[in-house]
N, C-alpha and C. Protein backbone atom coordinates (compact mmCIF):
# COMPACT_ATOMS: atom_id res chain seq x y z
N MET A 1 38.17 71.25 101.56
CA MET A 1 37.19 72.00 102.45
C MET A 1 37.24 70.75 103.59
N ASN A 2 37.40 71.20 105.20
CA ASN A 2 37.32 69.96 105.84
C ASN A 2 35.91 69.98 106.82
N GLN A 3 35.51 69.14 107.37
CA GLN A 3 33.78 68.40 107.72
C GLN A 3 33.77 70.15 108.58
N ASN A 4 34.21 70.63 109.29
CA ASN A 4 33.15 72.19 109.86
C ASN A 4 33.37 72.51 108.57
N GLU A 5 33.68 72.70 108.58
CA GLU A 5 34.14 74.20 106.72
C GLU A 5 32.21 73.39 106.07
N LYS A 6 31.85 72.68 105.87
CA LYS A 6 31.15 72.15 104.83
C LYS A 6 29.50 71.99 105.60
N GLU A 7 29.95 71.54 107.40
CA GLU A 7 29.06 72.11 108.06
C GLU A 7 28.09 73.16 108.00
N TYR A 8 29.50 74.10 107.78
CA TYR A 8 28.97 75.65 108.64
C TYR A 8 28.41 76.20 106.73
N ILE A 9 29.47 75.96 106.25
CA ILE A 9 28.59 76.24 104.55
C ILE A 9 27.07 76.27 104.40
N THR A 10 26.76 74.49 104.85
CA THR A 10 25.45 73.34 104.43
C THR A 10 24.20 74.45 105.67
N LYS A 11 25.29 74.64 107.27
CA LYS A 11 24.51 76.13 107.99
C LYS A 11 23.55 76.59 107.07
N ILE A 12 24.71 78.06 107.19
CA ILE A 12 24.55 79.24 105.91
C ILE A 12 22.49 78.77 105.41
N ILE A 13 23.38 77.61 103.81
CA ILE A 13 22.88 77.81 103.04
C ILE A 13 21.51 77.33 103.11
N LEU A 14 21.00 76.26 104.14
CA LEU A 14 20.00 76.04 105.27
C LEU A 14 19.10 77.17 105.31
N ASP A 15 19.65 78.36 106.22
CA ASP A 15 19.03 79.69 107.31
C ASP A 15 18.85 79.93 106.17
N ARG A 16 19.44 80.38 105.23
CA ARG A 16 19.57 80.68 104.32
C ARG A 16 17.69 80.60 103.32
N GLN A 17 17.30 79.77 103.56
CA GLN A 17 16.26 78.73 102.10
C GLN A 17 15.21 79.58 103.34
N ALA A 18 15.38 78.91 104.98
CA ALA A 18 14.52 78.98 105.94
C ALA A 18 14.21 80.37 106.13
N LEU A 19 15.07 81.33 105.93
CA LEU A 19 14.56 82.87 106.01
C LEU A 19 13.61 83.08 104.16
N ILE A 20 13.91 83.18 103.51
CA ILE A 20 13.49 83.59 102.21
C ILE A 20 11.88 82.22 102.49
N ASN A 21 12.06 81.43 103.09
CA ASN A 21 11.12 80.88 103.07
C ASN A 21 9.51 81.31 103.57
N ALA A 22 10.23 81.90 104.79
CA ALA A 22 9.85 82.68 106.26
C ALA A 22 8.41 83.76 104.94
N LEU A 23 9.37 84.97 104.01
CA LEU A 23 9.00 85.71 103.58
C LEU A 23 7.89 85.78 102.89
N PRO A 24 6.65 86.60 102.67
CA PRO A 24 5.31 86.59 101.87
C PRO A 24 5.37 86.35 100.53
N ASP A 25 4.57 85.29 99.35
CA ASP A 25 5.08 84.72 98.58
C ASP A 25 5.46 86.00 97.27
N ASN A 26 5.20 87.13 97.64
CA ASN A 26 5.62 88.09 96.67
C ASN A 26 6.59 88.47 95.87
N ILE A 27 7.50 88.07 97.54
CA ILE A 27 8.88 89.09 97.62
C ILE A 27 9.44 87.73 97.46
N LYS A 28 9.41 86.62 97.92
CA LYS A 28 9.82 85.52 97.75
C LYS A 28 10.03 85.12 95.85
N SER A 29 9.09 85.84 95.37
CA SER A 29 9.00 85.34 94.34
C SER A 29 10.09 86.41 93.04
N GLN A 30 10.18 87.69 93.90
CA GLN A 30 10.76 88.88 93.10
C GLN A 30 12.25 87.65 93.60
N ILE A 31 12.29 87.21 94.56
CA ILE A 31 13.40 86.91 95.38
C ILE A 31 14.53 85.77 94.27
N ASN A 32 14.03 84.95 93.78
CA ASN A 32 13.70 83.66 93.28
C ASN A 32 14.15 84.54 91.93
N LYS A 33 13.63 84.88 91.19
CA LYS A 33 13.89 85.64 89.85
C LYS A 33 15.45 86.69 89.92
N VAL A 34 15.53 86.84 91.10
CA VAL A 34 16.60 87.44 90.61
C VAL A 34 17.76 86.35 90.90
N ILE A 35 17.76 85.81 91.64
CA ILE A 35 18.16 84.18 92.17
C ILE A 35 18.29 83.56 90.61
N ASN A 36 17.64 83.18 90.21
CA ASN A 36 17.71 82.27 88.27
C ASN A 36 18.40 83.73 87.14
N GLY A 37 18.02 85.13 87.93
CA GLY A 37 18.74 85.45 87.00
C GLY A 37 17.79 86.45 86.04
N LYS A 38 16.16 85.76 86.69
CA LYS A 38 15.35 86.70 84.96
C LYS A 38 14.31 88.09 86.22
N GLU A 39 14.25 89.05 85.47
CA GLU A 39 13.81 90.43 86.03
C GLU A 39 12.29 89.80 85.28
């Protein structure tokens, strides 16, 4: 993986994190449960 790919992937991860952080808390906890594989 070259430097550009690493930066691109990092940016996607950070953008996704920012999107999740912008959501209301009840939706945020729902998403985190799904990400962590808990119902």
